[in-house]
Amino acid sequence: MENFYGFIIAFIVLMILEIATPGTFFFFSLSIAALLTSFATFFIKEMYMLLIIMAVLSIVVFLVLKKMDIFKLSKEDVKTNADRYIGQKVKVISIIEPKKVRVKIYGEEWTGICESEISAGDEAVIEKIEGITLYLKKIEQAGK
């Protein structure tokens, strides 16, 4: 019965570690294996066999989770607060130097770079953000 409680404690500790380190699923695999191994303690008394069972189960659980695409997280899937700026229209408020401007969006001033000729008062669309610089594309006005 001591082995049962030991594996249940291991399950709880490993789940706490998984919660403290989100996104890894390493400790989650181990914790599920510890929980399943705790039930094996009713049938198997040798600790080395229980540890082998836990090791095999942790690998199996990890592979099952991997097959279910739980770990799939590409760079395109990760959304950041900066993503809300991409595609937004901005108004140029001043020219810093040729092709380098100050724009205002959401009450904040940003530095922007525009490859085409742009002047104060023109509108542009944010194409991408690198660091704290917005890369802009000038919106061509009808009649200009």
N, C-alpha and C. Protein backbone atom coordinates (compact mmCIF):
# COMPACT_ATOMS: atom_id res chain seq x y z
N MET A 1 0.82 -1.19 0.00
CA MET A 1 0.00 0.00 0.00
C MET A 1 0.87 1.26 0.00
N GLU A 2 2.09 1.15 0.56
CA GLU A 2 2.99 2.31 0.55
C GLU A 2 3.37 2.71 -0.87
N ASN A 3 3.56 1.70 -1.74
CA ASN A 3 3.88 2.00 -3.13
C ASN A 3 2.75 2.76 -3.81
N PHE A 4 1.52 2.36 -3.50
CA PHE A 4 0.36 3.03 -4.09
C PHE A 4 0.37 4.51 -3.74
N TYR A 5 0.53 4.80 -2.45
CA TYR A 5 0.55 6.20 -2.02
C TYR A 5 1.76 6.96 -2.59
N GLY A 6 2.87 6.28 -2.72
CA GLY A 6 4.06 6.91 -3.31
C GLY A 6 3.82 7.34 -4.74
N PHE A 7 3.18 6.48 -5.52
CA PHE A 7 2.90 6.83 -6.91
C PHE A 7 1.80 7.89 -7.02
N ILE A 8 0.85 7.90 -6.10
CA ILE A 8 -0.18 8.94 -6.09
C ILE A 8 0.47 10.29 -5.75
N ILE A 9 1.38 10.30 -4.80
CA ILE A 9 2.10 11.54 -4.46
C ILE A 9 2.94 11.99 -5.65
N ALA A 10 3.60 11.03 -6.32
CA ALA A 10 4.38 11.37 -7.52
C ALA A 10 3.48 11.97 -8.59
N PHE A 11 2.27 11.41 -8.76
CA PHE A 11 1.30 11.95 -9.72
C PHE A 11 0.97 13.40 -9.40
N ILE A 12 0.68 13.68 -8.13
CA ILE A 12 0.31 15.05 -7.72
C ILE A 12 1.47 16.01 -7.91
N VAL A 13 2.67 15.61 -7.49
CA VAL A 13 3.85 16.48 -7.64
C VAL A 13 4.14 16.75 -9.11
N LEU A 14 4.06 15.73 -9.94
CA LEU A 14 4.34 15.90 -11.37
C LEU A 14 3.28 16.77 -12.05
N MET A 15 2.03 16.66 -11.62
CA MET A 15 0.98 17.54 -12.18
C MET A 15 1.23 18.99 -11.78
N ILE A 16 1.66 19.20 -10.55
CA ILE A 16 1.98 20.57 -10.11
C ILE A 16 3.15 21.11 -10.93
N LEU A 17 4.15 20.28 -11.19
CA LEU A 17 5.27 20.71 -12.04
C LEU A 17 4.80 21.03 -13.45
N GLU A 18 3.86 20.25 -13.98
CA GLU A 18 3.34 20.52 -15.33
C GLU A 18 2.59 21.85 -15.37
N ILE A 19 1.82 22.12 -14.33
CA ILE A 19 1.10 23.39 -14.27
C ILE A 19 2.08 24.55 -14.16
N ALA A 20 3.17 24.35 -13.43
CA ALA A 20 4.17 25.41 -13.26
C ALA A 20 4.99 25.64 -14.53
N THR A 21 5.08 24.65 -15.41
CA THR A 21 5.84 24.77 -16.65
C THR A 21 4.93 24.46 -17.84
N PRO A 22 4.04 25.38 -18.19
CA PRO A 22 3.07 25.08 -19.25
C PRO A 22 3.72 24.92 -20.61
N GLY A 23 3.10 24.09 -21.42
CA GLY A 23 3.54 23.94 -22.80
C GLY A 23 4.51 22.81 -23.04
N THR A 24 5.02 22.17 -21.99
CA THR A 24 6.00 21.11 -22.21
C THR A 24 5.38 19.74 -22.36
N PHE A 25 4.37 19.42 -21.58
CA PHE A 25 3.70 18.13 -21.53
C PHE A 25 4.63 17.00 -21.13
N PHE A 26 5.86 17.32 -20.75
CA PHE A 26 6.80 16.29 -20.29
C PHE A 26 6.34 15.74 -18.95
N PHE A 27 6.08 16.64 -18.01
CA PHE A 27 5.65 16.21 -16.68
C PHE A 27 4.24 15.61 -16.72
N PHE A 28 3.42 16.06 -17.66
CA PHE A 28 2.08 15.50 -17.80
C PHE A 28 2.16 14.02 -18.16
N SER A 29 3.03 13.67 -19.09
CA SER A 29 3.21 12.27 -19.47
C SER A 29 3.67 11.44 -18.28
N LEU A 30 4.62 11.98 -17.53
CA LEU A 30 5.11 11.26 -16.35
C LEU A 30 4.03 11.13 -15.29
N SER A 31 3.23 12.17 -15.10
CA SER A 31 2.21 12.12 -14.06
C SER A 31 1.12 11.10 -14.40
N ILE A 32 0.70 11.06 -15.66
CA ILE A 32 -0.30 10.06 -16.06
C ILE A 32 0.27 8.65 -15.89
N ALA A 33 1.54 8.48 -16.24
CA ALA A 33 2.19 7.17 -16.06
C ALA A 33 2.25 6.81 -14.58
N ALA A 34 2.52 7.78 -13.71
CA ALA A 34 2.56 7.51 -12.26
C ALA A 34 1.18 7.10 -11.76
N LEU A 35 0.13 7.78 -12.25
CA LEU A 35 -1.23 7.43 -11.84
C LEU A 35 -1.59 6.01 -12.27
N LEU A 36 -1.28 5.67 -13.52
CA LEU A 36 -1.58 4.32 -14.01
C LEU A 36 -0.76 3.27 -13.28
N THR A 37 0.50 3.61 -12.98
CA THR A 37 1.36 2.67 -12.26
C THR A 37 0.86 2.46 -10.84
N SER A 38 0.24 3.48 -10.25
CA SER A 38 -0.28 3.31 -8.88
C SER A 38 -1.29 2.17 -8.81
N PHE A 39 -2.06 1.96 -9.88
CA PHE A 39 -3.01 0.85 -9.89
C PHE A 39 -2.31 -0.50 -10.05
N ALA A 40 -1.15 -0.48 -10.69
CA ALA A 40 -0.39 -1.73 -10.84
C ALA A 40 0.20 -2.19 -9.51
N THR A 41 0.29 -1.30 -8.53
CA THR A 41 0.86 -1.68 -7.22
C THR A 41 0.00 -2.70 -6.49
N PHE A 42 -1.27 -2.85 -6.87
CA PHE A 42 -2.13 -3.85 -6.25
C PHE A 42 -1.78 -5.26 -6.71
N PHE A 43 -1.12 -5.35 -7.88
CA PHE A 43 -0.79 -6.65 -8.45
C PHE A 43 0.70 -6.95 -8.41
N ILE A 44 1.53 -5.93 -8.45
CA ILE A 44 2.99 -6.10 -8.50
C ILE A 44 3.58 -5.41 -7.28
N LYS A 45 4.44 -6.11 -6.56
CA LYS A 45 5.02 -5.57 -5.33
C LYS A 45 6.47 -5.10 -5.51
N GLU A 46 7.18 -5.60 -6.51
CA GLU A 46 8.59 -5.24 -6.69
C GLU A 46 8.70 -3.82 -7.26
N MET A 47 9.48 -2.99 -6.59
CA MET A 47 9.61 -1.59 -6.99
C MET A 47 10.29 -1.44 -8.35
N TYR A 48 11.30 -2.28 -8.63
CA TYR A 48 11.99 -2.14 -9.92
C TYR A 48 11.03 -2.43 -11.08
N MET A 49 10.10 -3.37 -10.90
CA MET A 49 9.12 -3.64 -11.95
C MET A 49 8.15 -2.48 -12.11
N LEU A 50 7.77 -1.88 -11.00
CA LEU A 50 6.86 -0.73 -11.05
C LEU A 50 7.52 0.45 -11.76
N LEU A 51 8.81 0.65 -11.51
CA LEU A 51 9.53 1.75 -12.17
C LEU A 51 9.67 1.48 -13.67
N ILE A 52 9.88 0.24 -14.04
CA ILE A 52 9.94 -0.11 -15.47
C ILE A 52 8.58 0.14 -16.12
N ILE A 53 7.51 -0.26 -15.43
CA ILE A 53 6.15 -0.03 -15.94
C ILE A 53 5.91 1.46 -16.11
N MET A 54 6.31 2.26 -15.12
CA MET A 54 6.11 3.71 -15.21
C MET A 54 6.90 4.30 -16.37
N ALA A 55 8.13 3.84 -16.58
CA ALA A 55 8.95 4.35 -17.68
C ALA A 55 8.30 4.02 -19.02
N VAL A 56 7.84 2.78 -19.18
CA VAL A 56 7.20 2.38 -20.44
C VAL A 56 5.91 3.15 -20.65
N LEU A 57 5.10 3.27 -19.59
CA LEU A 57 3.84 4.01 -19.71
C LEU A 57 4.07 5.48 -20.03
N SER A 58 5.11 6.09 -19.46
CA SER A 58 5.36 7.51 -19.75
C SER A 58 5.72 7.70 -21.22
N ILE A 59 6.48 6.78 -21.78
CA ILE A 59 6.82 6.85 -23.21
C ILE A 59 5.57 6.65 -24.06
N VAL A 60 4.73 5.69 -23.69
CA VAL A 60 3.50 5.42 -24.45
C VAL A 60 2.58 6.63 -24.38
N VAL A 61 2.39 7.20 -23.19
CA VAL A 61 1.52 8.38 -23.05
C VAL A 61 2.06 9.54 -23.87
N PHE A 62 3.38 9.74 -23.82
CA PHE A 62 4.00 10.83 -24.59
C PHE A 62 3.76 10.63 -26.08
N LEU A 63 3.95 9.41 -26.57
CA LEU A 63 3.75 9.14 -28.00
C LEU A 63 2.29 9.29 -28.40
N VAL A 64 1.36 8.90 -27.54
CA VAL A 64 -0.07 9.06 -27.84
C VAL A 64 -0.41 10.55 -27.92
N LEU A 65 0.09 11.34 -26.96
CA LEU A 65 -0.16 12.78 -26.99
C LEU A 65 0.46 13.42 -28.24
N LYS A 66 1.64 12.96 -28.61
CA LYS A 66 2.29 13.49 -29.81
C LYS A 66 1.48 13.14 -31.06
N LYS A 67 0.94 11.94 -31.10
CA LYS A 67 0.13 11.51 -32.25
C LYS A 67 -1.16 12.33 -32.34
N MET A 68 -1.68 12.79 -31.20
CA MET A 68 -2.91 13.57 -31.17
C MET A 68 -2.64 15.04 -31.51
N ASP A 69 -1.42 15.39 -31.88
CA ASP A 69 -1.01 16.75 -32.24
C ASP A 69 -1.20 17.74 -31.09
N ILE A 70 -1.04 17.29 -29.88
CA ILE A 70 -1.13 18.20 -28.72
C ILE A 70 0.07 19.15 -28.74
N PHE A 71 1.20 18.68 -29.25
CA PHE A 71 2.43 19.47 -29.23
C PHE A 71 2.55 20.41 -30.41
N LYS A 72 1.62 20.33 -31.37
CA LYS A 72 1.71 21.12 -32.59
C LYS A 72 1.47 22.59 -32.26
N LEU A 73 2.52 23.38 -32.41
CA LEU A 73 2.41 24.81 -32.16
C LEU A 73 3.47 25.50 -33.01
N SER A 74 3.10 25.81 -34.24
CA SER A 74 4.05 26.47 -35.13
C SER A 74 4.06 27.96 -34.85
N LYS A 75 5.04 28.65 -35.41
CA LYS A 75 5.16 30.08 -35.19
C LYS A 75 3.94 30.83 -35.71
N GLU A 76 3.30 30.33 -36.77
CA GLU A 76 2.12 31.00 -37.32
C GLU A 76 0.93 30.87 -36.38
N ASP A 77 0.90 29.84 -35.54
CA ASP A 77 -0.21 29.63 -34.63
C ASP A 77 -0.17 30.56 -33.42
N VAL A 78 0.99 31.08 -33.12
CA VAL A 78 1.15 31.90 -31.93
C VAL A 78 0.70 33.34 -32.24
N LYS A 79 -0.32 33.78 -31.56
CA LYS A 79 -0.81 35.14 -31.74
C LYS A 79 -0.28 36.01 -30.61
N THR A 80 0.14 37.21 -30.97
CA THR A 80 0.64 38.15 -29.98
C THR A 80 -0.21 39.41 -30.03
N ASN A 81 0.00 40.28 -29.08
CA ASN A 81 -0.73 41.55 -29.08
C ASN A 81 -0.37 42.39 -30.31
N ALA A 82 0.83 42.21 -30.85
CA ALA A 82 1.25 42.97 -32.02
C ALA A 82 0.45 42.58 -33.26
N ASP A 83 -0.12 41.37 -33.27
CA ASP A 83 -0.89 40.92 -34.44
C ASP A 83 -2.11 41.78 -34.71
N ARG A 84 -2.63 42.46 -33.70
CA ARG A 84 -3.81 43.30 -33.92
C ARG A 84 -3.48 44.53 -34.75
N TYR A 85 -2.20 44.89 -34.86
CA TYR A 85 -1.79 46.06 -35.63
C TYR A 85 -1.70 45.76 -37.13
N ILE A 86 -1.34 44.52 -37.47
CA ILE A 86 -1.12 44.17 -38.87
C ILE A 86 -2.42 44.29 -39.65
N GLY A 87 -2.35 45.03 -40.78
CA GLY A 87 -3.51 45.24 -41.62
C GLY A 87 -4.30 46.50 -41.26
N GLN A 88 -3.93 47.18 -40.19
CA GLN A 88 -4.65 48.39 -39.77
C GLN A 88 -4.17 49.61 -40.55
N LYS A 89 -5.08 50.56 -40.77
CA LYS A 89 -4.72 51.82 -41.42
C LYS A 89 -4.17 52.77 -40.36
N VAL A 90 -3.13 53.51 -40.76
CA VAL A 90 -2.54 54.54 -39.89
C VAL A 90 -2.39 55.82 -40.68
N LYS A 91 -2.28 56.90 -39.95
CA LYS A 91 -2.08 58.20 -40.58
C LYS A 91 -0.68 58.69 -40.20
N VAL A 92 0.06 59.14 -41.21
CA VAL A 92 1.41 59.64 -40.97
C VAL A 92 1.29 61.01 -40.31
N ILE A 93 1.96 61.17 -39.14
CA ILE A 93 1.87 62.46 -38.45
C ILE A 93 3.11 63.32 -38.67
N SER A 94 4.24 62.67 -38.97
CA SER A 94 5.44 63.46 -39.27
C SER A 94 6.46 62.61 -40.01
N ILE A 95 7.37 63.30 -40.67
CA ILE A 95 8.46 62.65 -41.41
C ILE A 95 9.72 62.78 -40.57
N ILE A 96 10.38 61.67 -40.30
CA ILE A 96 11.65 61.70 -39.55
C ILE A 96 12.80 61.88 -40.52
N GLU A 97 12.82 61.07 -41.54
CA GLU A 97 13.79 61.14 -42.63
C GLU A 97 13.15 60.44 -43.82
N PRO A 98 13.72 60.54 -44.99
CA PRO A 98 13.07 59.90 -46.15
C PRO A 98 12.76 58.43 -45.86
N LYS A 99 11.52 58.05 -46.08
CA LYS A 99 11.00 56.70 -45.89
C LYS A 99 10.88 56.27 -44.43
N LYS A 100 11.18 57.16 -43.48
CA LYS A 100 11.03 56.86 -42.06
C LYS A 100 10.09 57.90 -41.47
N VAL A 101 8.98 57.44 -40.87
CA VAL A 101 7.93 58.34 -40.45
C VAL A 101 7.46 58.01 -39.03
N ARG A 102 6.67 58.93 -38.47
CA ARG A 102 5.97 58.69 -37.20
C ARG A 102 4.49 58.53 -37.54
N VAL A 103 3.87 57.50 -36.98
CA VAL A 103 2.45 57.27 -37.19
C VAL A 103 1.78 57.10 -35.84
N LYS A 104 0.47 57.26 -35.84
CA LYS A 104 -0.30 57.11 -34.61
C LYS A 104 -1.35 56.04 -34.82
N ILE A 105 -1.41 55.08 -33.89
CA ILE A 105 -2.41 54.02 -33.93
C ILE A 105 -2.75 53.64 -32.49
N TYR A 106 -4.04 53.50 -32.23
CA TYR A 106 -4.54 53.16 -30.90
C TYR A 106 -4.00 54.10 -29.83
N GLY A 107 -3.84 55.38 -30.17
CA GLY A 107 -3.36 56.37 -29.22
C GLY A 107 -1.87 56.30 -28.94
N GLU A 108 -1.15 55.50 -29.68
CA GLU A 108 0.30 55.35 -29.49
C GLU A 108 1.03 55.84 -30.74
N GLU A 109 2.20 56.41 -30.54
CA GLU A 109 3.04 56.81 -31.67
C GLU A 109 4.10 55.74 -31.91
N TRP A 110 4.27 55.41 -33.18
CA TRP A 110 5.23 54.39 -33.58
C TRP A 110 6.11 54.95 -34.69
N THR A 111 7.28 54.36 -34.83
CA THR A 111 8.14 54.65 -35.97
C THR A 111 7.76 53.67 -37.08
N GLY A 112 7.66 54.20 -38.28
CA GLY A 112 7.30 53.36 -39.42
C GLY A 112 8.26 53.55 -40.57
N ILE A 113 8.39 52.51 -41.36
CA ILE A 113 9.22 52.56 -42.56
C ILE A 113 8.32 52.24 -43.74
N CYS A 114 8.38 53.11 -44.77
CA CYS A 114 7.58 52.92 -45.98
C CYS A 114 8.51 53.01 -47.17
N GLU A 115 8.51 52.00 -48.01
CA GLU A 115 9.40 51.97 -49.18
C GLU A 115 9.01 53.00 -50.24
N SER A 116 7.74 53.32 -50.33
CA SER A 116 7.32 54.31 -51.33
C SER A 116 7.37 55.71 -50.73
N GLU A 117 7.32 56.70 -51.60
CA GLU A 117 7.33 58.11 -51.17
C GLU A 117 6.08 58.38 -50.36
N ILE A 118 6.24 58.92 -49.16
CA ILE A 118 5.11 59.18 -48.27
C ILE A 118 5.33 60.50 -47.56
N SER A 119 4.26 61.21 -47.28
CA SER A 119 4.38 62.51 -46.60
C SER A 119 3.37 62.59 -45.46
N ALA A 120 3.53 63.62 -44.62
CA ALA A 120 2.64 63.81 -43.48
C ALA A 120 1.20 63.95 -43.97
N GLY A 121 0.28 63.29 -43.28
CA GLY A 121 -1.13 63.33 -43.65
C GLY A 121 -1.57 62.16 -44.50
N ASP A 122 -0.62 61.46 -45.12
CA ASP A 122 -0.96 60.30 -45.94
C ASP A 122 -1.39 59.13 -45.06
N GLU A 123 -2.14 58.21 -45.65
CA GLU A 123 -2.55 57.00 -44.95
C GLU A 123 -1.74 55.83 -45.47
N ALA A 124 -1.51 54.87 -44.57
CA ALA A 124 -0.77 53.67 -44.93
C ALA A 124 -1.37 52.47 -44.19
N VAL A 125 -1.01 51.29 -44.64
CA VAL A 125 -1.45 50.05 -43.99
C VAL A 125 -0.22 49.36 -43.40
N ILE A 126 -0.36 48.83 -42.21
CA ILE A 126 0.74 48.12 -41.56
C ILE A 126 0.85 46.72 -42.17
N GLU A 127 2.01 46.41 -42.73
CA GLU A 127 2.23 45.09 -43.33
C GLU A 127 2.86 44.11 -42.36
N LYS A 128 3.80 44.58 -41.55
CA LYS A 128 4.43 43.70 -40.56
C LYS A 128 5.07 44.56 -39.47
N ILE A 129 5.45 43.91 -38.40
CA ILE A 129 6.12 44.57 -37.28
C ILE A 129 7.39 43.80 -36.98
N GLU A 130 8.49 44.52 -36.86
CA GLU A 130 9.74 43.93 -36.42
C GLU A 130 10.26 44.77 -35.28
N GLY A 131 10.30 44.19 -34.10
CA GLY A 131 10.72 44.94 -32.93
C GLY A 131 9.71 46.03 -32.63
N ILE A 132 10.17 47.29 -32.68
CA ILE A 132 9.26 48.42 -32.43
C ILE A 132 9.08 49.26 -33.69
N THR A 133 9.33 48.65 -34.83
CA THR A 133 9.19 49.35 -36.11
C THR A 133 8.06 48.73 -36.92
N LEU A 134 7.18 49.61 -37.41
CA LEU A 134 6.10 49.18 -38.29
C LEU A 134 6.56 49.31 -39.74
N TYR A 135 6.28 48.31 -40.54
CA TYR A 135 6.57 48.38 -41.97
C TYR A 135 5.26 48.67 -42.68
N LEU A 136 5.26 49.77 -43.43
CA LEU A 136 4.03 50.32 -43.98
C LEU A 136 3.98 50.22 -45.50
N LYS A 137 2.75 50.22 -46.00
CA LYS A 137 2.51 50.32 -47.44
C LYS A 137 1.55 51.48 -47.62
N LYS A 138 1.96 52.45 -48.44
CA LYS A 138 1.15 53.64 -48.66
C LYS A 138 -0.15 53.27 -49.37
N ILE A 139 -1.24 53.89 -48.90
CA ILE A 139 -2.53 53.73 -49.56
C ILE A 139 -2.64 54.81 -50.61
N GLU A 140 -2.77 54.42 -51.86
CA GLU A 140 -2.88 55.38 -52.94
C GLU A 140 -4.29 55.98 -52.93
N GLN A 141 -4.36 57.29 -52.83
CA GLN A 141 -5.63 58.01 -52.80
C GLN A 141 -6.13 58.22 -54.23
N ALA A 142 -7.41 58.10 -54.45
CA ALA A 142 -8.00 58.35 -55.76
C ALA A 142 -7.93 59.85 -56.05
N GLY A 143 -7.51 60.21 -57.24
CA GLY A 143 -7.45 61.63 -57.63
C GLY A 143 -6.12 62.27 -57.35
N LYS A 144 -5.13 61.53 -56.84
CA LYS A 144 -3.81 62.11 -56.61
C LYS A 144 -2.84 61.69 -57.67
